[in-house]
Amino acid sequence: MDLRPLQELADQQTAARAAARDFARRVREALGERIEWIRLYGSLARGDWMGPDESDVDVAVVVREKTEADVRLVLSLAGEQLLRDGFVFSPRVFAPEEFQRLIDRELRLGRDILEEGVLL
């Protein structure tokens, strides 16, 4: 049995997680102390990510006093990360009260981010 495809996928997952950490670092540098937390969630956090051709990298960012400029900045950084590492990032940017509403309404997105999310 040829294990190369499995090893290649494991290597890609490792690289995608490293890219996620780099993305989080760059977001923190840009938004500073207003960041409450950044979490990797979705298939990469769960361990069932199928590679860059099949899956994106889901990241939730909670930022105090969120503005539209903050959202544009995070999306721009996600685009830069794609060019740097070749992984498609799908960031979701929330103000703390927006994220709390997801939890209060028991919406699956909020639950998934908390339950499967990995702090970056």
C-alpha atoms as a PDB file:
ATOM      1  CA  MET A   1       0.000   0.000   0.000  1.00  0.00           C
ATOM      2  CA  ASP A   2       1.378   3.392  -1.007  1.00  0.00           C
ATOM      3  CA  LEU A   3       1.255   5.729   1.999  1.00  0.00           C
ATOM      4  CA  ARG A   4       2.606   8.755   0.129  1.00  0.00           C
ATOM      5  CA  PRO A   5      -0.831  10.359  -0.409  1.00  0.00           C
ATOM      6  CA  LEU A   6      -1.563  10.096   3.329  1.00  0.00           C
ATOM      7  CA  GLN A   7       1.812  11.563   4.228  1.00  0.00           C
ATOM      8  CA  GLU A   8       1.317  14.346   1.692  1.00  0.00           C
ATOM      9  CA  LEU A   9      -2.070  15.199   3.226  1.00  0.00           C
ATOM     10  CA  ALA A  10      -0.558  15.170   6.731  1.00  0.00           C
ATOM     11  CA  ASP A  11       2.208  17.496   5.531  1.00  0.00           C
ATOM     12  CA  GLN A  12      -0.381  19.805   3.946  1.00  0.00           C
ATOM     13  CA  GLN A  13      -2.373  19.877   7.196  1.00  0.00           C
ATOM     14  CA  THR A  14       0.766  20.797   9.106  1.00  0.00           C
ATOM     15  CA  ALA A  15       1.519  23.558   6.601  1.00  0.00           C
ATOM     16  CA  ALA A  16      -2.080  24.836   6.729  1.00  0.00           C
ATOM     17  CA  ARG A  17      -1.980  24.996  10.535  1.00  0.00           C
ATOM     18  CA  ALA A  18       1.308  26.906  10.357  1.00  0.00           C
ATOM     19  CA  ALA A  19      -0.272  29.297   7.837  1.00  0.00           C
ATOM     20  CA  ALA A  20      -3.231  29.757  10.216  1.00  0.00           C
ATOM     21  CA  ARG A  21      -0.864  30.655  13.063  1.00  0.00           C
ATOM     22  CA  ASP A  22       0.927  33.105  10.778  1.00  0.00           C
ATOM     23  CA  PHE A  23      -2.397  34.619   9.706  1.00  0.00           C
ATOM     24  CA  ALA A  24      -3.424  35.049  13.361  1.00  0.00           C
ATOM     25  CA  ARG A  25      -0.084  36.698  14.154  1.00  0.00           C
ATOM     26  CA  ARG A  26      -0.534  39.142  11.292  1.00  0.00           C
ATOM     27  CA  VAL A  27      -4.116  39.947  12.356  1.00  0.00           C
ATOM     28  CA  ARG A  28      -2.892  40.582  15.919  1.00  0.00           C
ATOM     29  CA  GLU A  29      -0.140  42.858  14.633  1.00  0.00           C
ATOM     30  CA  ALA A  30      -2.697  44.826  12.614  1.00  0.00           C
ATOM     31  CA  LEU A  31      -5.488  45.092  15.203  1.00  0.00           C
ATOM     32  CA  GLY A  32      -3.486  44.899  18.410  1.00  0.00           C
ATOM     33  CA  GLU A  33      -5.115  44.909  21.814  1.00  0.00           C
ATOM     34  CA  ARG A  34      -8.626  44.994  20.388  1.00  0.00           C
ATOM     35  CA  ILE A  35      -8.389  41.292  19.517  1.00  0.00           C
ATOM     36  CA  GLU A  36     -10.247  39.184  22.095  1.00  0.00           C
ATOM     37  CA  TRP A  37      -9.413  35.886  20.461  1.00  0.00           C
ATOM     38  CA  ILE A  38      -8.772  34.116  17.173  1.00  0.00           C
ATOM     39  CA  ARG A  39      -9.821  30.501  16.633  1.00  0.00           C
ATOM     40  CA  LEU A  40      -9.241  27.989  13.902  1.00  0.00           C
ATOM     41  CA  TYR A  41     -12.431  25.968  13.404  1.00  0.00           C
ATOM     42  CA  GLY A  42     -13.988  23.712  10.780  1.00  0.00           C
ATOM     43  CA  SER A  43     -12.413  20.766   9.023  1.00  0.00           C
ATOM     44  CA  LEU A  44      -8.788  21.711   9.722  1.00  0.00           C
ATOM     45  CA  ALA A  45      -9.476  22.069  13.458  1.00  0.00           C
ATOM     46  CA  ARG A  46     -11.431  18.783  13.493  1.00  0.00           C
ATOM     47  CA  GLY A  47      -8.714  16.932  11.586  1.00  0.00           C
ATOM     48  CA  ASP A  48     -10.832  16.012   8.558  1.00  0.00           C
ATOM     49  CA  TRP A  49      -9.416  18.694   6.244  1.00  0.00           C
ATOM     50  CA  MET A  50      -8.895  17.204   2.778  1.00  0.00           C
ATOM     51  CA  GLY A  51      -6.238  19.487   1.348  1.00  0.00           C
ATOM     52  CA  PRO A  52      -6.115  22.899  -0.278  1.00  0.00           C
ATOM     53  CA  ASP A  53      -8.071  21.818  -3.353  1.00  0.00           C
ATOM     54  CA  GLU A  54     -10.996  20.526  -1.290  1.00  0.00           C
ATOM     55  CA  SER A  55     -11.139  22.628   1.885  1.00  0.00           C
ATOM     56  CA  ASP A  56     -10.648  26.174   3.071  1.00  0.00           C
ATOM     57  CA  VAL A  57      -9.190  27.326   6.380  1.00  0.00           C
ATOM     58  CA  ASP A  58     -11.931  28.657   8.671  1.00  0.00           C
ATOM     59  CA  VAL A  59     -10.882  31.281  11.198  1.00  0.00           C
ATOM     60  CA  ALA A  60     -13.050  33.264  13.619  1.00  0.00           C
ATOM     61  CA  VAL A  61     -11.771  36.622  14.856  1.00  0.00           C
ATOM     62  CA  VAL A  62     -13.429  38.468  17.737  1.00  0.00           C
ATOM     63  CA  VAL A  63     -12.411  42.118  17.873  1.00  0.00           C
ATOM     64  CA  ARG A  64     -13.598  44.813  20.270  1.00  0.00           C
ATOM     65  CA  GLU A  65     -15.076  47.921  18.671  1.00  0.00           C
ATOM     66  CA  LYS A  66     -15.204  46.157  15.295  1.00  0.00           C
ATOM     67  CA  THR A  67     -15.478  48.393  12.250  1.00  0.00           C
ATOM     68  CA  GLU A  68     -16.011  47.714   8.561  1.00  0.00           C
ATOM     69  CA  ALA A  69     -12.385  48.759   8.080  1.00  0.00           C
ATOM     70  CA  ASP A  70     -11.377  45.921  10.436  1.00  0.00           C
ATOM     71  CA  VAL A  71     -13.353  43.427   8.359  1.00  0.00           C
ATOM     72  CA  ARG A  72     -11.775  44.675   5.132  1.00  0.00           C
ATOM     73  CA  LEU A  73      -8.323  44.475   6.713  1.00  0.00           C
ATOM     74  CA  VAL A  74      -8.823  40.876   7.860  1.00  0.00           C
ATOM     75  CA  LEU A  75     -10.142  39.899   4.420  1.00  0.00           C
ATOM     76  CA  SER A  76      -7.146  41.586   2.808  1.00  0.00           C
ATOM     77  CA  LEU A  77      -4.779  39.688   5.095  1.00  0.00           C
ATOM     78  CA  ALA A  78      -6.578  36.463   4.135  1.00  0.00           C
ATOM     79  CA  GLY A  79      -5.955  37.255   0.474  1.00  0.00           C
ATOM     80  CA  GLU A  80      -2.298  37.929   1.189  1.00  0.00           C
ATOM     81  CA  GLN A  81      -2.064  34.629   3.057  1.00  0.00           C
ATOM     82  CA  LEU A  82      -3.407  32.826  -0.019  1.00  0.00           C
ATOM     83  CA  LEU A  83      -0.648  34.374  -2.097  1.00  0.00           C
ATOM     84  CA  ARG A  84       1.979  33.533   0.548  1.00  0.00           C
ATOM     85  CA  ASP A  85       1.005  29.955   1.334  1.00  0.00           C
ATOM     86  CA  GLY A  86      -1.581  28.805  -1.209  1.00  0.00           C
ATOM     87  CA  PHE A  87      -4.348  28.172   1.321  1.00  0.00           C
ATOM     88  CA  VAL A  88      -7.788  29.762   0.995  1.00  0.00           C
ATOM     89  CA  PHE A  89      -8.756  31.425   4.278  1.00  0.00           C
ATOM     90  CA  SER A  90     -12.392  32.094   5.159  1.00  0.00           C
ATOM     91  CA  PRO A  91     -12.263  34.475   8.113  1.00  0.00           C
ATOM     92  CA  ARG A  92     -15.364  35.488  10.048  1.00  0.00           C
ATOM     93  CA  VAL A  93     -14.964  38.718  12.031  1.00  0.00           C
ATOM     94  CA  PHE A  94     -17.247  39.350  14.999  1.00  0.00           C
ATOM     95  CA  ALA A  95     -17.649  41.999  17.651  1.00  0.00           C
ATOM     96  CA  PRO A  96     -17.921  40.311  21.076  1.00  0.00           C
ATOM     97  CA  GLU A  97     -21.644  41.057  21.281  1.00  0.00           C
ATOM     98  CA  GLU A  98     -22.223  39.598  17.793  1.00  0.00           C
ATOM     99  CA  PHE A  99     -20.528  36.366  18.760  1.00  0.00           C
ATOM    100  CA  GLN A 100     -22.452  36.252  22.037  1.00  0.00           C
ATOM    101  CA  ARG A 101     -25.713  36.521  20.075  1.00  0.00           C
ATOM    102  CA  LEU A 102     -24.711  33.412  18.109  1.00  0.00           C
ATOM    103  CA  ILE A 103     -24.261  31.570  21.387  1.00  0.00           C
ATOM    104  CA  ASP A 104     -27.436  32.966  22.974  1.00  0.00           C
ATOM    105  CA  ARG A 105     -29.495  31.933  19.944  1.00  0.00           C
ATOM    106  CA  GLU A 106     -27.854  28.505  20.027  1.00  0.00           C
ATOM    107  CA  LEU A 107     -26.783  28.824  16.413  1.00  0.00           C
ATOM    108  CA  ARG A 108     -24.587  26.037  15.132  1.00  0.00           C
ATOM    109  CA  LEU A 109     -21.817  28.324  13.863  1.00  0.00           C
ATOM    110  CA  GLY A 110     -21.189  29.725  17.345  1.00  0.00           C
ATOM    111  CA  ARG A 111     -21.312  26.294  18.933  1.00  0.00           C
ATOM    112  CA  ASP A 112     -18.928  24.844  16.332  1.00  0.00           C
ATOM    113  CA  ILE A 113     -16.438  27.667  16.811  1.00  0.00           C
ATOM    114  CA  LEU A 114     -16.420  27.158  20.584  1.00  0.00           C
ATOM    115  CA  GLU A 115     -16.535  23.363  20.649  1.00  0.00           C
ATOM    116  CA  GLU A 116     -14.140  22.481  17.851  1.00  0.00           C
ATOM    117  CA  GLY A 117     -12.184  25.706  17.675  1.00  0.00           C
ATOM    118  CA  VAL A 118      -8.490  25.866  18.440  1.00  0.00           C
ATOM    119  CA  LEU A 119      -7.149  29.123  19.851  1.00  0.00           C
ATOM    120  CA  LEU A 120      -4.494  30.679  17.667  1.00  0.00           C
END
